[in-house]
Amino acid sequence: MLLFVGLGNPGAKYARNRHNVGFMAVNEIARRHGFAPWRRRFQGETSEGTLERERVILLKPTTYMNDSGRAVQEAANFFKLGMGAVTVFQDELELPPGKVRVKIGGGIAGHNGLRSISSHIGNDYRRVRLGIGHPGVKELVHHHVLSDFARTDDAWVAALCEAVADNAGQLATGHDSTFQNRVHLAMQGKGFFDVRETDAE
């Protein structure tokens, strides 16, 4: 069994925020793979289904970003899952919009959701880093992540979530580099990137 966690803040007010792209990604996984209806538990919302014959629990914490670790710890403890079974989908300032990187462990780069999760379950879980771009000035970061995507961003955000969902089975079976490359090629095929990148972290 695997736990896929989307990070974001609950409620309509935050639904289109850049900080909520993790929620958007797991919503699309649930939709495209016919997962069960969402239900409230573990201080969040969960949906269950299978990817490549692996049972997967999707979790969207409803504790707000800064306390995401409480929901993740509760779900992981209930299902007796170690860090190796946890994958977190997060917004990433340090990647250009639409780019994806997968890594296990590492720093949290000031991300409050990751900080909370690491403090509750440890640091060696998998992160799927979904690029939202950096505003260029440190003082604008808070406003940037808590602002809505522009309407001009809708096409690449939708394409990114679709590519993540289409290839989520690669994550479920541990093929992180294949997942990363397929997402990139899907985005490139839709005209969002010009140069193929195959480096994995």
Protein backbone atom coordinates (compact mmCIF):
# COMPACT_ATOMS: atom_id res chain seq x y z
CA MET A 1 0.00 0.00 0.00
CA LEU A 2 1.14 3.53 -0.80
CA LEU A 3 0.18 6.97 0.48
CA PHE A 4 0.14 9.80 -2.08
CA VAL A 5 -0.21 13.19 -0.37
CA GLY A 6 -1.19 16.37 -2.17
CA LEU A 7 -0.25 19.59 -0.38
CA GLY A 8 -2.43 22.68 -0.33
CA ASN A 9 -4.79 24.71 1.81
CA PRO A 10 -8.45 23.71 2.19
CA GLY A 11 -11.40 25.77 0.99
CA ALA A 12 -12.55 27.61 -2.12
CA LYS A 13 -10.51 30.70 -1.19
CA TYR A 14 -7.27 28.82 -1.85
CA ALA A 15 -8.37 26.42 -4.60
CA ARG A 16 -6.50 28.18 -7.44
CA ASN A 17 -3.43 29.22 -5.40
CA ARG A 18 -0.01 28.20 -6.68
CA HIS A 19 0.53 26.65 -3.24
CA ASN A 20 -2.34 24.24 -4.03
CA VAL A 21 -0.90 22.57 -7.12
CA GLY A 22 -0.33 19.44 -5.03
CA PHE A 23 -4.08 19.23 -4.38
CA MET A 24 -4.70 19.74 -8.09
CA ALA A 25 -2.37 16.88 -9.01
CA VAL A 26 -3.94 14.29 -6.70
CA ASN A 27 -7.44 15.42 -7.71
CA GLU A 28 -6.51 14.60 -11.30
CA ILE A 29 -5.04 11.23 -10.31
CA ALA A 30 -8.32 10.36 -8.59
CA ARG A 31 -10.37 11.50 -11.57
CA ARG A 32 -8.38 9.86 -14.33
CA HIS A 33 -7.98 6.52 -12.56
CA GLY A 34 -11.52 6.15 -11.22
CA PHE A 35 -10.65 6.32 -7.53
CA ALA A 36 -13.39 6.12 -4.89
CA PRO A 37 -15.22 9.30 -3.83
CA TRP A 38 -13.34 11.52 -1.41
CA ARG A 39 -14.21 11.11 2.27
CA ARG A 40 -13.12 12.91 5.41
CA ARG A 41 -10.69 11.14 7.75
CA PHE A 42 -7.14 11.47 9.14
CA GLN A 43 -7.58 15.27 9.46
CA GLY A 44 -7.96 15.37 5.69
CA GLU A 45 -9.80 13.92 2.73
CA THR A 46 -8.90 10.54 1.25
CA SER A 47 -9.68 8.62 -1.90
CA GLU A 48 -8.65 5.01 -2.57
CA GLY A 49 -7.83 3.20 -5.78
CA THR A 50 -5.15 1.24 -7.59
CA LEU A 51 -2.26 2.17 -9.85
CA GLU A 52 -0.48 -0.68 -11.65
CA ARG A 53 -2.09 -3.15 -9.22
CA GLU A 54 -0.73 -1.20 -6.23
CA ARG A 55 -3.29 -0.01 -3.67
CA VAL A 56 -2.94 3.74 -3.29
CA ILE A 57 -4.48 6.08 -0.72
CA LEU A 58 -4.67 9.70 -1.85
CA LEU A 59 -4.65 12.23 0.99
CA LYS A 60 -5.35 15.96 1.00
CA PRO A 61 -4.71 17.34 4.51
CA THR A 62 -7.36 19.81 5.67
CA THR A 63 -5.20 21.09 8.53
CA TYR A 64 -3.79 23.95 6.42
CA MET A 65 -0.33 23.73 4.93
CA ASN A 66 1.66 24.47 8.09
CA ASP A 67 0.18 21.45 9.90
CA SER A 68 0.11 18.95 7.02
CA GLY A 69 2.30 16.54 8.95
CA ARG A 70 -0.45 15.78 11.46
CA ALA A 71 -2.69 14.30 8.75
CA VAL A 72 0.17 12.45 7.07
CA GLN A 73 1.32 10.92 10.36
CA GLU A 74 -2.21 9.84 11.30
CA ALA A 75 -2.78 8.15 7.93
CA ALA A 76 0.67 6.54 7.86
CA ASN A 77 0.25 5.19 11.40
CA PHE A 78 -3.21 3.80 10.65
CA PHE A 79 -1.96 1.87 7.63
CA LYS A 80 1.41 1.05 9.27
CA LEU A 81 3.36 2.70 6.45
CA GLY A 82 6.99 3.76 6.61
CA MET A 83 8.49 6.79 4.90
CA GLY A 84 9.30 4.71 1.84
CA ALA A 85 5.58 4.32 1.12
CA VAL A 86 4.85 8.07 1.27
CA THR A 87 4.94 10.36 -1.79
CA VAL A 88 4.25 14.08 -1.40
CA PHE A 89 3.16 16.28 -4.31
CA GLN A 90 4.30 19.85 -3.62
CA ASP A 91 4.68 23.23 -5.27
CA GLU A 92 8.31 24.11 -6.00
CA LEU A 93 9.54 27.69 -6.30
CA GLU A 94 12.98 26.68 -7.52
CA LEU A 95 11.69 25.00 -10.69
CA PRO A 96 10.34 26.83 -13.75
CA PRO A 97 6.57 26.58 -14.26
CA GLY A 98 5.53 23.11 -15.39
CA LYS A 99 8.86 21.40 -14.73
CA VAL A 100 8.90 18.31 -12.47
CA ARG A 101 11.59 16.74 -10.34
CA VAL A 102 11.34 13.66 -8.13
CA LYS A 103 13.62 13.11 -5.17
CA ILE A 104 13.75 11.26 -1.88
CA GLY A 105 14.68 13.22 1.21
CA GLY A 106 16.77 16.35 1.00
CA GLY A 107 16.11 19.87 2.18
CA ILE A 108 12.75 21.53 2.58
CA ALA A 109 13.77 24.91 1.08
CA GLY A 110 11.48 26.83 3.40
CA HIS A 111 8.36 24.87 2.41
CA ASN A 112 6.12 24.83 5.48
CA GLY A 113 4.20 21.74 4.38
CA LEU A 114 7.38 19.72 4.03
CA ARG A 115 8.71 21.08 7.31
CA SER A 116 5.59 19.86 9.10
CA ILE A 117 5.68 16.42 7.45
CA SER A 118 9.37 15.93 8.18
CA SER A 119 8.84 16.87 11.82
CA HIS A 120 6.10 14.23 12.14
CA ILE A 121 7.34 11.23 10.13
CA GLY A 122 10.98 11.94 9.29
CA ASN A 123 12.59 13.29 6.14
CA ASP A 124 13.18 10.34 3.81
CA TYR A 125 9.90 10.33 1.89
CA ARG A 126 9.56 10.92 -1.85
CA ARG A 127 8.75 14.43 -3.08
CA VAL A 128 7.25 15.17 -6.47
CA ARG A 129 8.28 18.80 -6.97
CA LEU A 130 5.91 20.65 -9.29
CA GLY A 131 7.46 23.85 -10.61
CA ILE A 132 5.53 27.08 -10.10
CA GLY A 133 8.41 29.47 -10.79
CA HIS A 134 10.00 32.07 -8.52
CA PRO A 135 8.85 35.71 -8.44
CA GLY A 136 12.51 36.77 -8.57
CA VAL A 137 12.56 38.64 -5.28
CA LYS A 138 12.53 36.92 -1.87
CA GLU A 139 10.13 39.46 -0.43
CA LEU A 140 7.49 38.49 -3.02
CA VAL A 141 7.59 34.74 -2.37
CA HIS A 142 4.80 34.66 0.22
CA HIS A 143 2.46 36.64 -2.03
CA HIS A 144 3.45 34.55 -5.05
CA VAL A 145 2.64 31.15 -3.57
CA LEU A 146 -0.61 32.32 -1.97
CA SER A 147 -1.83 34.04 -5.14
CA ASP A 148 -3.96 32.35 -7.78
CA PHE A 149 -2.48 31.06 -10.99
CA ALA A 150 -3.09 33.57 -13.78
CA ARG A 151 -5.67 32.61 -16.38
CA THR A 152 -2.80 32.43 -18.86
CA ASP A 153 -1.32 29.65 -16.69
CA ASP A 154 -4.42 27.45 -16.94
CA ALA A 155 -3.26 25.52 -20.03
CA TRP A 156 0.11 24.42 -18.65
CA VAL A 157 -1.27 23.72 -15.16
CA ALA A 158 -3.96 21.47 -16.62
CA ALA A 159 -1.43 19.77 -18.91
CA LEU A 160 0.94 19.21 -15.99
CA CYS A 161 -1.73 17.66 -13.77
CA GLU A 162 -2.89 15.44 -16.63
CA ALA A 163 0.68 14.27 -17.34
CA VAL A 164 1.29 13.56 -13.65
CA ALA A 165 -1.94 11.58 -13.44
CA ASP A 166 -1.33 9.67 -16.68
CA ASN A 167 2.07 8.54 -15.44
CA ALA A 168 1.34 8.09 -11.73
CA GLY A 169 1.65 4.33 -12.15
CA GLN A 170 5.38 4.83 -12.67
CA LEU A 171 5.60 6.35 -9.20
CA ALA A 172 3.55 3.50 -7.74
CA THR A 173 6.04 0.98 -9.12
CA GLY A 174 9.13 2.97 -8.14
CA HIS A 175 10.18 4.13 -11.60
CA ASP A 176 10.82 7.72 -10.62
CA SER A 177 13.10 8.68 -13.50
CA THR A 178 10.68 7.19 -16.04
CA PHE A 179 7.84 9.17 -14.46
CA GLN A 180 9.85 12.37 -14.56
CA ASN A 181 10.89 11.93 -18.17
CA ARG A 182 7.43 10.96 -19.39
CA VAL A 183 5.88 14.00 -17.75
CA HIS A 184 8.51 16.20 -19.35
CA LEU A 185 7.96 14.66 -22.78
CA ALA A 186 4.20 15.09 -22.42
CA MET A 187 4.67 18.77 -21.62
CA GLN A 188 7.16 19.16 -24.45
CA GLY A 189 4.72 17.48 -26.83
CA LYS A 190 2.11 20.07 -25.97
CA GLY A 191 4.53 22.86 -26.76
CA PHE A 192 5.50 23.96 -23.26
CA PHE A 193 9.22 23.01 -23.38
CA ASP A 194 11.82 23.16 -26.13
CA VAL A 195 14.64 21.06 -24.69
CA ARG A 196 14.41 17.55 -23.34
CA GLU A 197 15.81 17.12 -19.85
CA THR A 198 16.46 13.68 -18.41
CA ASP A 199 18.39 14.42 -15.23
CA ALA A 200 16.90 12.97 -12.05
CA GLU A 201 17.63 13.89 -8.48
